[in-house]
Protein backbone atom coordinates (compact mmCIF):
# COMPACT_ATOMS: atom_id res chain seq x y z
CA UNK A 1 -1.39 -2.13 -0.94
CA UNK A 2 -0.60 -3.63 0.94
CA UNK A 3 -0.89 -2.59 -1.90
CA UNK A 4 -1.70 -4.32 0.70
CA UNK A 5 -2.73 -1.13 1.63
CA UNK A 6 -5.31 -2.46 3.85
CA UNK A 7 -7.85 -0.48 5.92
CA UNK A 8 -6.27 -0.61 9.22
CA UNK A 9 -2.79 0.40 7.92
CA UNK A 10 -3.73 3.99 8.12
CA UNK A 11 -5.17 4.84 11.33
CA UNK A 12 -5.14 8.62 12.37
CA UNK A 13 -1.87 9.94 12.98
CA UNK A 14 -1.54 10.99 16.65
CA UNK A 15 1.68 11.09 18.26
CA UNK A 16 2.29 10.95 22.10
CA UNK A 17 4.84 13.53 23.09
CA UNK A 18 5.13 12.07 26.62
CA UNK A 19 6.72 8.60 26.76
CA UNK A 20 5.37 8.13 30.11
CA UNK A 21 1.75 8.25 28.68
CA UNK A 22 2.43 4.98 26.94
CA UNK A 23 2.56 3.16 30.08
CA UNK A 24 -0.92 4.44 31.08
CA UNK A 25 -3.71 2.39 31.02
CA UNK A 26 -4.16 -1.35 31.92
CA UNK A 27 -2.48 -4.14 30.44
CA UNK A 28 -5.71 -5.44 28.87
CA UNK A 29 -6.22 -2.10 26.92
CA UNK A 30 -2.70 -2.63 25.14
CA UNK A 31 -2.38 -4.50 21.76
CA UNK A 32 -0.67 -7.77 22.78
CA UNK A 33 1.83 -9.84 20.82
CA UNK A 34 -0.57 -12.13 18.81
CA UNK A 35 -2.81 -9.24 17.86
CA UNK A 36 0.34 -7.41 16.44
CA UNK A 37 1.26 -10.54 14.58
CA UNK A 38 -2.16 -10.80 13.19
CA UNK A 39 -2.41 -7.08 12.25
CA UNK A 40 0.92 -6.95 10.73
CA UNK A 41 0.46 -10.32 8.69
CA UNK A 42 -2.93 -9.29 7.31
CA UNK A 43 -1.50 -6.14 6.29
CA UNK A 44 1.24 -7.61 4.29
CA UNK A 45 -0.77 -10.50 2.73
CA UNK A 46 -3.17 -8.47 0.80
CA UNK A 47 -4.28 -8.65 -2.83
CA UNK A 48 -0.66 -8.05 -4.30
CA UNK A 49 -0.32 -11.94 -4.80
CA UNK A 50 -3.26 -11.92 -7.17
CA UNK A 51 -1.66 -8.81 -9.08
CA UNK A 52 2.20 -8.74 -9.21
CA UNK A 53 3.44 -12.48 -9.92
CA UNK A 54 3.35 -11.86 -13.82
CA UNK A 55 4.99 -8.31 -13.44
CA UNK A 56 7.89 -9.79 -11.65
CA UNK A 57 8.16 -12.93 -13.98
CA UNK A 58 7.87 -10.48 -17.19
CA UNK A 59 11.41 -8.73 -15.87
CA UNK A 60 13.26 -11.74 -14.69
CA UNK A 61 12.23 -14.21 -17.31
CA UNK A 62 12.68 -17.31 -15.21
CA UNK A 63 10.45 -19.12 -12.45
CA UNK A 64 13.50 -19.63 -10.27
CA UNK A 65 14.64 -15.95 -10.41
CA UNK A 66 11.21 -14.77 -9.70
CA UNK A 67 11.20 -16.97 -6.50
CA UNK A 68 14.31 -15.47 -5.53
CA UNK A 69 12.78 -11.97 -6.01
CA UNK A 70 10.17 -12.44 -3.78
CA UNK A 71 12.35 -13.80 -1.14
CA UNK A 72 14.64 -10.70 -1.38
CA UNK A 73 11.68 -8.54 -1.44
CA UNK A 74 10.70 -10.52 2.06
CA UNK A 75 14.10 -9.89 3.43
CA UNK A 76 14.09 -6.33 2.68
CA UNK A 77 10.56 -5.94 4.28
CA UNK A 78 11.81 -7.78 7.24
CA UNK A 79 15.02 -5.56 7.81
CA UNK A 80 12.89 -2.38 7.15
CA UNK A 81 10.55 -3.78 9.85
CA UNK A 82 12.97 -4.15 12.21
CA UNK A 83 14.49 -0.67 11.65
CA UNK A 84 11.06 0.76 12.27
CA UNK A 85 10.66 -1.41 15.50
CA UNK A 86 13.86 0.61 16.86
CA UNK A 87 12.30 4.17 15.81
CA UNK A 88 9.18 3.28 17.57
CA UNK A 89 11.07 2.50 20.91
CA UNK A 90 13.28 5.49 20.35
CA UNK A 91 10.43 7.72 19.70
CA UNK A 92 7.54 6.15 21.80
CA UNK A 93 4.06 6.68 20.71
CA UNK A 94 1.77 6.22 17.74
CA UNK A 95 2.16 8.15 14.20
CA UNK A 96 4.77 6.27 12.29
CA UNK A 97 6.58 8.22 9.63
CA UNK A 98 4.90 11.33 10.37
CA UNK A 99 6.42 11.61 13.92
CA UNK A 100 9.92 10.43 12.89
CA UNK A 101 10.01 12.95 9.72
CA UNK A 102 8.84 15.78 11.65
CA UNK A 103 11.16 15.17 14.67
CA UNK A 104 14.44 14.84 12.59
CA UNK A 105 13.55 16.79 9.44
CA UNK A 106 10.89 19.36 10.60
CA UNK A 107 7.28 20.23 9.58
CA UNK A 108 7.69 20.74 6.02
CA UNK A 109 8.97 17.39 5.20
CA UNK A 110 6.26 15.82 7.38
CA UNK A 111 3.48 17.88 5.44
CA UNK A 112 5.01 16.55 2.23
CA UNK A 113 4.62 12.97 3.51
CA UNK A 114 0.89 13.76 4.53
CA UNK A 115 0.08 15.53 1.41
CA UNK A 116 1.66 12.76 -0.59
CA UNK A 117 0.10 10.09 0.92
CA UNK A 118 -3.27 11.54 0.67
CA UNK A 119 -3.13 13.08 -2.76
CA UNK A 120 -0.89 10.56 -4.54
CA UNK A 121 -0.40 7.29 -2.79
CA UNK A 122 -3.56 6.14 -1.57
CA UNK A 123 -5.46 7.46 -4.50
CA UNK A 124 -3.02 5.55 -6.98
CA UNK A 125 -3.58 2.23 -5.07
CA UNK A 126 -7.34 2.81 -4.91
CA UNK A 127 -7.19 2.57 -8.67
CA UNK A 128 -4.84 -0.29 -8.66
CA UNK A 129 -7.52 -2.05 -6.74
CA UNK A 130 -10.42 -0.91 -8.99
CA UNK A 131 -8.57 -1.93 -12.15
CA UNK A 132 -7.64 -5.27 -10.91
CA UNK A 133 -11.25 -6.18 -9.42
CA UNK A 134 -12.85 -5.02 -12.91
CA UNK A 135 -10.27 -6.94 -14.85
CA UNK A 136 -10.85 -10.15 -12.90
CA UNK A 137 -14.57 -9.42 -13.29
CA UNK A 138 -14.55 -8.99 -17.18
CA UNK A 139 -12.23 -11.89 -17.80
CA UNK A 140 -14.75 -14.26 -16.59
CA UNK A 141 -16.90 -13.29 -19.58
CA UNK A 142 -14.61 -12.25 -22.36
CA UNK A 143 -10.63 -12.58 -23.39
CA UNK A 144 -10.25 -8.88 -24.73
CA UNK A 145 -7.35 -6.93 -23.51
CA UNK A 146 -7.65 -3.95 -21.79
CA UNK A 147 -4.25 -2.58 -23.28
CA UNK A 148 -6.15 -1.82 -26.53
CA UNK A 149 -7.21 1.79 -26.59
CA UNK A 150 -10.99 1.33 -26.96
CA UNK A 151 -10.96 -0.47 -24.09
CA UNK A 152 -8.85 1.60 -21.64
CA UNK A 153 -11.56 4.07 -21.84
CA UNK A 154 -14.08 1.33 -20.19
CA UNK A 155 -11.12 0.53 -17.75
CA UNK A 156 -11.11 4.10 -16.59
CA UNK A 157 -15.00 4.65 -16.63
CA UNK A 158 -15.08 1.28 -14.46
CA UNK A 159 -12.81 2.70 -11.91
CA UNK A 160 -14.52 5.85 -11.39
CA UNK A 161 -17.89 4.08 -11.03
CA UNK A 162 -16.25 1.67 -8.50
CA UNK A 163 -14.82 4.87 -6.42
CA UNK A 164 -18.03 6.73 -6.65
CA UNK A 165 -20.15 3.80 -5.34
CA UNK A 166 -17.50 3.13 -2.33
CA UNK A 167 -17.48 6.75 -1.40
CA UNK A 168 -21.20 6.97 -1.45
CA UNK A 169 -21.24 4.01 0.87
CA UNK A 170 -18.76 5.38 3.10
CA UNK A 171 -20.88 8.75 3.24
CA UNK A 172 -23.90 6.89 4.19
CA UNK A 173 -22.40 4.80 6.95
CA UNK A 174 -19.02 4.24 8.44
CA UNK A 175 -20.51 1.04 9.98
CA UNK A 176 -21.80 -0.36 6.85
CA UNK A 177 -18.38 0.05 5.19
CA UNK A 178 -16.49 -1.87 8.16
CA UNK A 179 -19.23 -4.71 8.11
CA UNK A 180 -18.52 -4.88 4.27
CA UNK A 181 -14.75 -4.94 4.72
CA UNK A 182 -15.09 -7.67 7.17
CA UNK A 183 -17.11 -9.83 5.19
CA UNK A 184 -15.09 -9.20 2.05
CA UNK A 185 -11.82 -9.92 3.66
CA UNK A 186 -12.93 -13.60 4.26
CA UNK A 187 -12.96 -14.05 0.50
CA UNK A 188 -9.16 -13.20 0.34
CA UNK A 189 -8.32 -16.11 2.68
CA UNK A 190 -10.70 -18.39 0.41
CA UNK A 191 -9.07 -17.43 -2.60
CA UNK A 192 -5.40 -18.06 -1.16
CA UNK A 193 -6.61 -21.59 0.03
CA UNK A 194 -8.21 -22.33 -3.54
CA UNK A 195 -4.87 -21.18 -5.19
CA UNK A 196 -2.95 -23.72 -3.01
CA UNK A 197 -5.44 -26.36 -3.32
CA UNK A 198 -5.56 -26.21 -7.08
CA UNK A 199 -1.99 -26.39 -7.23
CA UNK A 200 -1.68 -29.72 -5.13
CA UNK A 201 -4.57 -31.15 -7.51
CA UNK A 202 -2.52 -30.08 -10.69
CA UNK A 203 0.81 -31.52 -9.13
CA UNK A 204 -0.80 -34.82 -8.45
CA UNK A 205 -2.74 -35.14 -11.73
CA UNK A 206 -0.34 -33.75 -14.20
CA UNK A 207 0.76 -36.34 -16.84
CA UNK A 208 4.11 -34.41 -17.34
CA UNK A 209 5.75 -33.67 -14.19
CA UNK A 210 9.24 -32.96 -15.85
CA UNK A 211 7.71 -29.94 -17.71
CA UNK A 212 6.30 -28.55 -14.18
CA UNK A 213 9.96 -29.07 -12.69
CA UNK A 214 11.30 -27.03 -15.84
CA UNK A 215 9.38 -23.97 -14.72
CA UNK A 216 11.56 -23.55 -11.42
CA UNK A 217 14.83 -23.14 -13.25
CA UNK A 218 16.71 -20.41 -13.94
CA UNK A 219 17.16 -21.14 -17.58
CA UNK A 220 16.92 -17.61 -19.68
CA UNK A 221 17.05 -15.53 -16.52
CA UNK A 222 17.45 -11.67 -17.20
CA UNK A 223 20.75 -10.11 -16.51
CA UNK A 224 20.18 -6.37 -17.03
CA UNK A 225 20.48 -4.61 -13.96
CA UNK A 226 17.73 -2.09 -14.07
CA UNK A 227 15.38 -4.79 -15.47
CA UNK A 228 16.15 -6.89 -12.33
CA UNK A 229 15.41 -3.87 -10.11
CA UNK A 230 11.91 -3.28 -11.85
CA UNK A 231 10.97 -6.74 -11.22
CA UNK A 232 11.14 -5.96 -7.38
CA UNK A 233 8.68 -3.32 -7.74
CA UNK A 234 5.57 -5.66 -7.57
CA UNK A 235 7.31 -7.93 -5.03
CA UNK A 236 7.88 -4.92 -2.83
CA UNK A 237 4.62 -3.42 -3.14
CA UNK A 238 3.04 -6.63 -2.16
CA UNK A 239 4.93 -6.78 1.26
CA UNK A 240 3.79 -3.14 1.98
CA UNK A 241 2.09 -3.28 5.50
CA UNK A 242 5.33 -4.11 7.31
CA UNK A 243 5.26 -0.55 8.57
CA UNK A 244 1.58 -0.69 9.79
CA UNK A 245 2.13 -1.53 13.64
CA UNK A 246 4.37 1.89 14.10
CA UNK A 247 0.95 3.85 13.44
CA UNK A 248 -0.28 2.38 16.62
CA UNK A 249 3.13 1.75 18.56
CA UNK A 250 1.68 3.76 21.38
CA UNK A 251 -1.10 1.06 22.20
CA UNK A 252 1.33 -1.78 21.93
CA UNK A 253 2.29 -3.59 25.36
CA UNK A 254 5.79 -3.86 25.93
CA UNK A 255 6.88 -2.67 22.79
CA UNK A 256 10.67 -3.24 23.22
CA UNK A 257 9.95 -6.88 22.99
CA UNK A 258 6.64 -6.96 20.96
CA UNK A 259 7.44 -4.57 18.15
CA UNK A 260 10.39 -6.72 16.76
CA UNK A 261 9.19 -9.95 17.61
CA UNK A 262 5.89 -9.51 15.99
CA UNK A 263 7.56 -7.89 12.90
CA UNK A 264 9.94 -10.93 12.36
CA UNK A 265 7.07 -13.52 13.06
CA UNK A 266 4.71 -11.72 10.63
CA UNK A 267 7.40 -11.01 7.82
CA UNK A 268 8.80 -14.69 7.71
CA UNK A 269 5.23 -15.91 7.71
CA UNK A 270 4.51 -13.53 4.78
CA UNK A 271 7.60 -14.79 2.80
CA UNK A 272 6.44 -18.54 3.22
CA UNK A 273 2.94 -17.43 2.14
CA UNK A 274 4.32 -15.65 -1.08
CA UNK A 275 6.58 -18.02 -2.17
CA UNK A 276 4.08 -20.64 -1.58
CA UNK A 277 1.62 -18.99 -3.72
CA UNK A 278 4.20 -18.20 -6.48
CA UNK A 279 5.06 -22.01 -6.33
CA UNK A 280 1.41 -22.68 -7.03
CA UNK A 281 1.03 -20.42 -9.86
CA UNK A 282 4.23 -22.01 -11.39
CA UNK A 283 2.97 -25.46 -10.83
CA UNK A 284 -0.22 -24.71 -12.82
CA UNK A 285 0.57 -21.90 -15.57
CA UNK A 286 3.21 -22.32 -18.19
CA UNK A 287 5.76 -19.50 -18.20
CA UNK A 288 4.52 -17.95 -21.04
CA UNK A 289 0.91 -17.89 -19.87
CA UNK A 290 1.81 -16.45 -16.53
CA UNK A 291 3.75 -13.66 -18.06
CA UNK A 292 1.27 -12.28 -20.39
CA UNK A 293 -1.65 -12.83 -17.94
CA UNK A 294 -3.64 -9.91 -16.76
CA UNK A 295 -5.36 -11.94 -14.14
CA UNK A 296 -3.03 -14.70 -13.05
CA UNK A 297 -5.31 -16.37 -10.39
CA UNK A 298 -8.09 -16.45 -12.72
CA UNK A 299 -5.92 -18.38 -15.35
CA UNK A 300 -4.91 -20.81 -12.55
CA UNK A 301 -8.33 -21.59 -11.55
CA UNK A 302 -9.20 -22.06 -15.48
CA UNK A 303 -6.39 -24.43 -15.93
CA UNK A 304 -7.07 -26.40 -12.76
CA UNK A 305 -10.92 -26.81 -12.83
CA UNK A 306 -12.03 -25.01 -15.89
CA UNK A 307 -14.71 -22.54 -15.83
CA UNK A 308 -15.85 -23.22 -12.30
CA UNK A 309 -12.45 -22.67 -10.90
CA UNK A 310 -12.22 -19.50 -12.82
CA UNK A 311 -15.30 -18.00 -11.46
CA UNK A 312 -14.58 -19.00 -7.71
CA UNK A 313 -11.08 -17.40 -7.82
CA UNK A 314 -12.34 -14.47 -9.60
CA UNK A 315 -15.08 -13.84 -7.01
CA UNK A 316 -12.61 -14.00 -4.30
CA UNK A 317 -10.13 -11.63 -5.78
CA UNK A 318 -13.02 -8.96 -6.79
CA UNK A 319 -14.30 -9.19 -3.10
CA UNK A 320 -10.56 -8.79 -1.77
CA UNK A 321 -9.79 -6.06 -4.00
CA UNK A 322 -13.43 -4.07 -3.27
CA UNK A 323 -12.53 -4.56 0.53
CA UNK A 324 -9.19 -2.63 0.07
CA UNK A 325 -10.96 0.01 -1.72
CA UNK A 326 -13.46 0.64 0.90
CA UNK A 327 -10.67 0.72 3.65
CA UNK A 328 -8.68 3.19 1.66
CA UNK A 329 -11.90 5.28 1.29
CA UNK A 330 -12.35 5.34 5.14
CA UNK A 331 -8.77 5.71 5.92
CA UNK A 332 -7.41 8.44 3.30
CA UNK A 333 -10.72 10.72 4.11
CA UNK A 334 -9.47 10.83 7.77
CA UNK A 335 -5.96 11.62 6.62
CA UNK A 336 -7.36 14.52 4.61
CA UNK A 337 -9.37 15.33 7.47
CA UNK A 338 -6.64 15.44 9.90
CA UNK A 339 -4.39 17.49 7.36
CA UNK A 340 -7.46 20.17 7.38
CA UNK A 341 -7.28 20.21 11.13
CA UNK A 342 -3.55 20.65 10.98
CA UNK A 343 -3.95 23.64 8.40
CA UNK A 344 -1.95 21.51 5.39
CA UNK A 345 -5.34 21.65 3.36
CA UNK A 346 -8.22 24.08 3.59
CA UNK A 347 -10.16 24.10 6.68
CA UNK A 348 -13.70 23.25 5.34
CA UNK A 349 -12.24 19.70 4.39
CA UNK A 350 -12.51 18.69 8.15
CA UNK A 351 -16.22 19.02 8.50
CA UNK A 352 -18.04 15.97 9.55
CA UNK A 353 -21.93 15.29 8.60
CA UNK A 354 -23.80 15.37 11.65
CA UNK A 355 -26.43 13.13 10.65
CA UNK A 356 -23.99 10.23 9.69
CA UNK A 357 -20.87 11.33 11.71
CA UNK A 358 -18.97 10.93 8.39
CA UNK A 359 -16.09 13.44 6.97
CA UNK A 360 -18.12 13.61 3.74
CA UNK A 361 -16.04 16.41 2.35
CA UNK A 362 -12.79 14.66 2.65
CA UNK A 363 -14.53 11.32 1.50
CA UNK A 364 -15.45 13.26 -1.76
CA UNK A 365 -12.20 14.66 -2.12
CA UNK A 366 -10.54 11.31 -2.08
CA UNK A 367 -13.20 10.10 -4.83
CA UNK A 368 -12.33 13.20 -6.71
CA UNK A 369 -8.48 12.55 -6.85
CA UNK A 370 -8.78 8.85 -7.29
CA UNK A 371 -10.98 9.66 -10.36
CA UNK A 372 -8.41 11.61 -11.57
CA UNK A 373 -5.83 8.69 -11.23
CA UNK A 374 -8.28 6.21 -12.87
CA UNK A 375 -7.23 7.96 -16.31
CA UNK A 376 -3.98 6.23 -15.86
CA UNK A 377 -4.97 2.95 -17.04
CA UNK A 378 -1.52 1.13 -16.84
CA UNK A 379 -0.86 -0.90 -13.73
CA UNK A 380 3.06 -0.55 -14.30
CA UNK A 381 2.77 3.33 -14.10
CA UNK A 382 0.33 3.19 -11.00
CA UNK A 383 2.67 0.89 -9.20
CA UNK A 384 5.96 2.98 -10.03
CA UNK A 385 4.24 5.91 -8.59
CA UNK A 386 3.36 4.22 -5.25
CA UNK A 387 6.89 2.65 -4.97
CA UNK A 388 8.68 5.84 -5.70
CA UNK A 389 6.63 7.87 -3.38
CA UNK A 390 6.32 5.34 -0.73
CA UNK A 391 10.43 4.62 -0.69
CA UNK A 392 11.35 8.24 -0.66
CA UNK A 393 9.83 8.60 2.90
CA UNK A 394 11.07 5.31 3.96
CA UNK A 395 14.58 6.44 2.96
CA UNK A 396 14.00 9.48 5.07
CA UNK A 397 12.91 7.59 8.37
CA UNK A 398 15.85 5.22 7.68
CA UNK A 399 18.06 8.41 7.68
CA UNK A 400 16.33 9.73 10.85
CA UNK A 401 17.36 6.50 12.68
CA UNK A 402 20.86 6.94 11.92
CA UNK A 403 20.66 11.02 12.83
CA UNK A 404 18.78 10.03 16.22
CA UNK A 405 21.70 7.55 16.84
CA UNK A 406 24.43 9.75 16.26
CA UNK A 407 23.26 13.05 16.60
CA UNK A 408 20.77 12.95 19.54
CA UNK A 409 22.75 9.79 21.09
CA UNK A 410 19.36 7.99 21.62
CA UNK A 411 20.11 4.53 22.81
CA UNK A 412 16.96 2.41 22.67
CA UNK A 413 16.75 -0.84 23.87
CA UNK A 414 16.30 -2.47 20.77
CA UNK A 415 18.97 -1.74 18.18
CA UNK A 416 19.52 -3.13 14.80
CA UNK A 417 23.40 -3.25 13.13
CA UNK A 418 24.25 0.20 11.71
CA UNK A 419 24.74 -1.16 8.57
CA UNK A 420 21.16 -2.26 7.98
CA UNK A 421 19.68 1.12 7.77
CA UNK A 422 22.75 2.36 5.85
CA UNK A 423 21.95 -0.34 3.18
CA UNK A 424 18.16 0.17 3.14
CA UNK A 425 19.06 3.92 2.43
CA UNK A 426 20.93 2.66 -0.61
CA UNK A 427 18.41 0.11 -1.63
CA UNK A 428 15.55 3.00 -1.49
CA UNK A 429 17.68 5.23 -3.70
CA UNK A 430 18.35 2.48 -6.23
CA UNK A 431 14.87 1.47 -6.45
CA UNK A 432 13.62 4.84 -6.68
CA UNK A 433 15.79 5.74 -9.83
CA UNK A 434 15.80 2.39 -11.35
CA UNK A 435 12.71 3.46 -13.73
CA UNK A 436 14.94 6.32 -14.93
CA UNK A 437 17.67 4.08 -15.81
CA UNK A 438 15.42 1.45 -17.45
CA UNK A 439 15.96 0.82 -21.15
CA UNK A 440 12.08 0.78 -21.54
CA UNK A 441 10.78 4.18 -22.44
CA UNK A 442 7.46 3.79 -20.65
CA UNK A 443 9.30 3.55 -17.19
CA UNK A 444 11.36 6.78 -17.49
CA UNK A 445 8.03 8.41 -18.35
CA UNK A 446 6.56 7.08 -15.12
CA UNK A 447 9.79 8.61 -13.20
CA UNK A 448 9.19 11.85 -14.89
CA UNK A 449 5.34 11.98 -13.78
CA UNK A 450 6.06 10.96 -10.14
CA UNK A 451 8.76 13.71 -9.98
CA UNK A 452 6.17 16.39 -11.28
CA UNK A 453 3.81 15.30 -8.60
CA UNK A 454 6.30 15.50 -5.94
CA UNK A 455 7.74 18.88 -7.33
CA UNK A 456 4.03 20.13 -7.26
CA UNK A 457 3.45 18.93 -3.75
CA UNK A 458 6.70 20.32 -2.28
CA UNK A 459 6.02 23.87 -2.27
CA UNK A 460 2.74 23.45 -0.88
CA UNK A 461 3.83 21.62 1.74
CA UNK A 462 6.51 24.31 2.63
CA UNK A 463 3.93 27.17 2.24
CA UNK A 464 1.59 25.48 4.58
CA UNK A 465 4.23 25.83 7.37
CA UNK A 466 4.68 29.63 6.95
CA UNK A 467 2.73 31.86 9.29
CA UNK A 468 1.68 34.44 6.64
CA UNK A 469 -0.50 31.84 5.24
CA UNK A 470 -2.65 31.78 8.29
CA UNK A 471 -3.08 35.56 8.47
CA UNK A 472 -6.65 36.80 8.05
CA UNK A 473 -5.44 39.11 5.13
CA UNK A 474 -4.34 36.22 3.10
CA UNK A 475 -6.75 35.92 0.04
CA UNK A 476 -6.48 32.16 0.18
CA UNK A 477 -7.22 32.16 3.82
CA UNK A 478 -10.08 34.66 3.31
CA UNK A 479 -11.67 32.47 0.45
CA UNK A 480 -11.32 29.29 2.62
CA UNK A 481 -12.91 31.19 5.61
CA UNK A 482 -15.95 32.28 3.52
CA UNK A 483 -16.58 28.77 2.36
CA UNK A 484 -16.11 27.30 5.87
CA UNK A 485 -18.57 29.85 7.13
CA UNK A 486 -21.06 28.75 4.46
CA UNK A 487 -20.73 25.02 5.13
CA UNK A 488 -21.37 25.74 8.79
CA UNK A 489 -24.22 27.96 8.04
CA UNK A 490 -26.14 24.97 6.53
CA UNK A 491 -26.34 23.37 10.21
CA UNK A 492 -25.52 19.83 8.63
CA UNK A 493 -21.97 19.71 9.51
CA UNK A 494 -19.96 20.01 12.67
């Protein structure tokens, strides 16, 4: 996601049961404040700025209101990050949501979080990235719309092809993937600098400054509450990554000070960054063009510098998206491997190819699941699914924060006002149900699909905690054991 869902956000979920173990090791081995700020900022400033500005504008209808929405989403990310900072201090160690949910609500909800992340959230984000990269690539050569049914098949097929290629790269070499990610991520920074530069150029050379000023007004702002809430989906998705430090909280030096300070600095910087980029879009693009654009950064480049600007920004966006896809393949495959080791999914998924030391079976499983999601060509649908499943578990963590305060009487050195997690719980609920309240039928359908996915995974997460599932007489266990022994017998896996 962010959708910023970048590679380092999803490190292996390992928790420290002993708070004192977090103090072991030299100070140089710990993650310092500057590194924490860098990690959090890089996670929040992903490719969302290339994808969602038009989605926000479509719902609020005015440029001024869209900037307010981006600011509100940033404040929400800041408050949520501070709540997570308190949780990381109250429950020391790495692991993030998995640790907090399991501590307060038990193993079944923690399993549901793990399975939902592995089988729904990250595959959906993967396809958002493939869809965006292919759209930007093709828009360099043609103006056809991917909303037309014949081209939706092309979009799905392209998503599957990109997923297959990235999975093959991950199977061949993890080092190759990480080097490629590092190289491609430089293009994200280049794209952002180009956007801001083009906007300055247009602002200086534009003959009609009054027209540009009008785009920032609140004229014709939407007043329908569910519609305004839907406008938050794109902005909130772009800020995804404010929780990434909790996954490595056990490795942070002086977390009582570093965690809240790093989150505050990184989130404030991200707010400035996103608002600046949206100001750049509004400076260059007329509102009608921006609302209908499927590749807003590309259109900005075209209007600023013609074909040259279009190609430059398209290359930057495609490279940034592909870096995220590679990161998701690496990280979700490890998450699936972790789930296999913990018994949430069949044991044979844990195997690593000896020659390359890559978890090839979990990589292929991620590719298969993502290919299924590639059949969903609607960006709105994929974003809705990601937001609902993400904020369901964020809400559980905010609730866990209150439980730890009032039931367990934990008093960490850093605490936010009690009103903040209570407001965030309410915000989470409203955000999750807003598609069901929308007057637009497709959003109600997206909500229904997400509920069905959760309904399928919930009993699986409960069953996976039952001791009877692990008995040798269970047919599912017997089948899994046979497949496990067959893979072991090949001698190529460990």
